[in-house]
Amino acid sequence: QVQLVESGGGLVQVGGSLRLSCRVTGTPRSVLSLASMSWYRQTPGSQRDLVASISRLGSKNYADSVKERFIISKDNTKNEVYLQMSGLRPEDTAAYYCNLKMQSKDIWGQGTQVTVSA
């Protein structure tokens, strides 16, 4: 059973940086060359919004609010996806979720909290 495990969240001051990681488990071979991976974020009472995505071929897409500040990357050999966040702002505070889409699969991680203090 494919599962996603996020890590790297925490408390950071305005202007600081964090690196989120998402590890894909439960598969014996690299799936990232076959899957589209994304990071979403959600605050209480709001919908889950796309932050960044990376296609199976490595094409990247970002929400306007994080362009020039966040970088999504992946390591196919490790089955891991990363979100490097810099220039963090209070409005970046949210639970961040990793998502995998591949064929009929649409899998979510449990989320990791990012809190940016002013």
C-alpha atoms as a PDB file:
ATOM      1  CA  GLN A   1       0.000   0.000   0.000  1.00  0.00           C
ATOM      2  CA  VAL A   2       1.502   3.287  -1.109  1.00  0.00           C
ATOM      3  CA  GLN A   3       1.757   5.882   1.659  1.00  0.00           C
ATOM      4  CA  LEU A   4       3.190   9.384   1.918  1.00  0.00           C
ATOM      5  CA  VAL A   5       5.080  10.526   4.989  1.00  0.00           C
ATOM      6  CA  GLU A   6       5.749  14.260   5.385  1.00  0.00           C
ATOM      7  CA  SER A   7       8.299  15.824   7.681  1.00  0.00           C
ATOM      8  CA  GLY A   8      10.141  19.080   8.216  1.00  0.00           C
ATOM      9  CA  GLY A   9       7.417  21.369   9.463  1.00  0.00           C
ATOM     10  CA  GLY A  10       7.820  23.563  12.498  1.00  0.00           C
ATOM     11  CA  LEU A  11       7.890  27.055  13.905  1.00  0.00           C
ATOM     12  CA  VAL A  12       9.962  29.672  12.104  1.00  0.00           C
ATOM     13  CA  GLN A  13      10.270  33.430  12.219  1.00  0.00           C
ATOM     14  CA  VAL A  14       9.276  35.741   9.410  1.00  0.00           C
ATOM     15  CA  GLY A  15      11.875  35.642   6.651  1.00  0.00           C
ATOM     16  CA  GLY A  16      13.131  32.246   7.713  1.00  0.00           C
ATOM     17  CA  SER A  17      13.387  29.002   5.786  1.00  0.00           C
ATOM     18  CA  LEU A  18      12.141  25.446   6.095  1.00  0.00           C
ATOM     19  CA  ARG A  19      12.502  22.341   3.977  1.00  0.00           C
ATOM     20  CA  LEU A  20       9.610  19.919   3.843  1.00  0.00           C
ATOM     21  CA  SER A  21      10.135  16.327   2.787  1.00  0.00           C
ATOM     22  CA  CYS A  22       7.657  13.748   1.531  1.00  0.00           C
ATOM     23  CA  ARG A  23       8.729  10.120   1.416  1.00  0.00           C
ATOM     24  CA  VAL A  24       6.783   7.618  -0.660  1.00  0.00           C
ATOM     25  CA  THR A  25       6.635   4.209   0.992  1.00  0.00           C
ATOM     26  CA  GLY A  26       5.030   0.887   0.232  1.00  0.00           C
ATOM     27  CA  THR A  27       6.383   0.514  -3.259  1.00  0.00           C
ATOM     28  CA  PRO A  28       9.404  -1.553  -4.242  1.00  0.00           C
ATOM     29  CA  ARG A  29      10.515   0.737  -7.040  1.00  0.00           C
ATOM     30  CA  SER A  30      10.667   4.391  -7.831  1.00  0.00           C
ATOM     31  CA  VAL A  31       7.205   5.737  -8.552  1.00  0.00           C
ATOM     32  CA  LEU A  32       8.188   9.351  -8.933  1.00  0.00           C
ATOM     33  CA  SER A  33       9.133   8.813 -12.571  1.00  0.00           C
ATOM     34  CA  LEU A  34       5.527   7.749 -13.096  1.00  0.00           C
ATOM     35  CA  ALA A  35       3.657  10.095 -10.774  1.00  0.00           C
ATOM     36  CA  SER A  36       2.778  13.745 -10.486  1.00  0.00           C
ATOM     37  CA  MET A  37       3.651  15.052  -7.024  1.00  0.00           C
ATOM     38  CA  SER A  38       2.292  18.152  -5.360  1.00  0.00           C
ATOM     39  CA  TRP A  39       2.330  20.127  -2.159  1.00  0.00           C
ATOM     40  CA  TYR A  40      -0.915  21.649  -0.901  1.00  0.00           C
ATOM     41  CA  ARG A  41      -1.638  23.698   2.166  1.00  0.00           C
ATOM     42  CA  GLN A  42      -4.701  24.291   4.272  1.00  0.00           C
ATOM     43  CA  THR A  43      -5.696  26.555   7.135  1.00  0.00           C
ATOM     44  CA  PRO A  44      -8.652  25.845   9.448  1.00  0.00           C
ATOM     45  CA  GLY A  45     -11.955  26.561   7.766  1.00  0.00           C
ATOM     46  CA  SER A  46     -10.398  26.970   4.335  1.00  0.00           C
ATOM     47  CA  GLN A  47     -10.022  24.749   1.319  1.00  0.00           C
ATOM     48  CA  ARG A  48      -6.836  22.920   0.527  1.00  0.00           C
ATOM     49  CA  ASP A  49      -4.863  24.958  -2.014  1.00  0.00           C
ATOM     50  CA  LEU A  50      -2.143  23.914  -4.411  1.00  0.00           C
ATOM     51  CA  VAL A  51       1.278  25.312  -3.524  1.00  0.00           C
ATOM     52  CA  ALA A  52       3.563  23.595  -6.031  1.00  0.00           C
ATOM     53  CA  SER A  53       3.640  20.568  -8.277  1.00  0.00           C
ATOM     54  CA  ILE A  54       6.224  18.594 -10.216  1.00  0.00           C
ATOM     55  CA  SER A  55       5.343  16.283 -13.044  1.00  0.00           C
ATOM     56  CA  ARG A  56       6.801  12.866 -13.643  1.00  0.00           C
ATOM     57  CA  LEU A  57       9.151  14.457 -16.186  1.00  0.00           C
ATOM     58  CA  GLY A  58      10.153  17.240 -13.812  1.00  0.00           C
ATOM     59  CA  SER A  59       8.061  20.165 -14.995  1.00  0.00           C
ATOM     60  CA  LYS A  60       7.259  22.504 -12.121  1.00  0.00           C
ATOM     61  CA  ASN A  61       4.303  24.698 -11.343  1.00  0.00           C
ATOM     62  CA  TYR A  62       3.811  27.164  -8.484  1.00  0.00           C
ATOM     63  CA  ALA A  63       1.027  29.181  -6.957  1.00  0.00           C
ATOM     64  CA  ASP A  64       1.571  32.884  -7.601  1.00  0.00           C
ATOM     65  CA  SER A  65       1.860  33.542  -3.863  1.00  0.00           C
ATOM     66  CA  VAL A  66       4.968  31.366  -3.504  1.00  0.00           C
ATOM     67  CA  LYS A  67       6.789  31.980  -6.775  1.00  0.00           C
ATOM     68  CA  GLU A  68      10.392  33.105  -6.278  1.00  0.00           C
ATOM     69  CA  ARG A  69      10.246  31.904  -2.645  1.00  0.00           C
ATOM     70  CA  PHE A  70       9.491  28.165  -2.777  1.00  0.00           C
ATOM     71  CA  ILE A  71      11.187  25.444  -4.794  1.00  0.00           C
ATOM     72  CA  ILE A  72       9.810  21.966  -5.374  1.00  0.00           C
ATOM     73  CA  SER A  73      12.180  19.148  -6.221  1.00  0.00           C
ATOM     74  CA  LYS A  74      12.351  15.392  -6.123  1.00  0.00           C
ATOM     75  CA  ASP A  75      14.779  12.516  -5.936  1.00  0.00           C
ATOM     76  CA  ASN A  76      13.435   9.601  -7.934  1.00  0.00           C
ATOM     77  CA  THR A  77      16.034   7.227  -6.519  1.00  0.00           C
ATOM     78  CA  LYS A  78      14.953   7.965  -2.946  1.00  0.00           C
ATOM     79  CA  ASN A  79      11.222   8.261  -3.673  1.00  0.00           C
ATOM     80  CA  GLU A  80      11.250  11.650  -1.995  1.00  0.00           C
ATOM     81  CA  VAL A  81       9.814  15.047  -2.843  1.00  0.00           C
ATOM     82  CA  TYR A  82      10.906  18.286  -1.227  1.00  0.00           C
ATOM     83  CA  LEU A  83       9.598  21.790  -0.769  1.00  0.00           C
ATOM     84  CA  GLN A  84      12.267  24.343   0.023  1.00  0.00           C
ATOM     85  CA  MET A  85      10.579  27.381   1.508  1.00  0.00           C
ATOM     86  CA  SER A  86      12.349  30.681   2.032  1.00  0.00           C
ATOM     87  CA  GLY A  87      11.271  34.209   2.781  1.00  0.00           C
ATOM     88  CA  LEU A  88       8.467  32.798   4.898  1.00  0.00           C
ATOM     89  CA  ARG A  89       5.565  35.045   5.771  1.00  0.00           C
ATOM     90  CA  PRO A  90       2.809  34.775   8.408  1.00  0.00           C
ATOM     91  CA  GLU A  91       0.339  33.981   5.622  1.00  0.00           C
ATOM     92  CA  ASP A  92       2.348  30.846   4.816  1.00  0.00           C
ATOM     93  CA  THR A  93       1.201  29.392   8.135  1.00  0.00           C
ATOM     94  CA  ALA A  94      -0.779  26.244   7.347  1.00  0.00           C
ATOM     95  CA  ALA A  95      -0.803  22.488   7.367  1.00  0.00           C
ATOM     96  CA  TYR A  96       1.139  21.291   4.338  1.00  0.00           C
ATOM     97  CA  TYR A  97       0.128  18.101   2.555  1.00  0.00           C
ATOM     98  CA  CYS A  98       1.946  15.984   0.027  1.00  0.00           C
ATOM     99  CA  ASN A  99      -0.089  14.468  -2.811  1.00  0.00           C
ATOM    100  CA  LEU A 100       0.634  11.753  -5.349  1.00  0.00           C
ATOM    101  CA  LYS A 101      -1.367  11.264  -8.533  1.00  0.00           C
ATOM    102  CA  MET A 102      -0.653   8.301 -10.742  1.00  0.00           C
ATOM    103  CA  GLN A 103      -3.098   6.466 -12.995  1.00  0.00           C
ATOM    104  CA  SER A 104      -6.093   5.850 -10.730  1.00  0.00           C
ATOM    105  CA  LYS A 105      -4.242   6.675  -7.526  1.00  0.00           C
ATOM    106  CA  ASP A 106      -4.764   9.925  -5.623  1.00  0.00           C
ATOM    107  CA  ILE A 107      -2.940   9.657  -2.309  1.00  0.00           C
ATOM    108  CA  TRP A 108      -2.444  12.168   0.501  1.00  0.00           C
ATOM    109  CA  GLY A 109      -0.029  12.345   3.372  1.00  0.00           C
ATOM    110  CA  GLN A 110      -1.007  13.142   6.930  1.00  0.00           C
ATOM    111  CA  GLY A 111       0.256  16.719   6.756  1.00  0.00           C
ATOM    112  CA  THR A 112       2.930  18.707   8.544  1.00  0.00           C
ATOM    113  CA  GLN A 113       2.319  22.019  10.281  1.00  0.00           C
ATOM    114  CA  VAL A 114       4.246  25.140   9.339  1.00  0.00           C
ATOM    115  CA  THR A 115       3.878  28.159  11.598  1.00  0.00           C
ATOM    116  CA  VAL A 116       5.495  31.477  10.769  1.00  0.00           C
ATOM    117  CA  SER A 117       5.681  33.906  13.660  1.00  0.00           C
ATOM    118  CA  ALA A 118       5.809  37.643  13.197  1.00  0.00           C
END
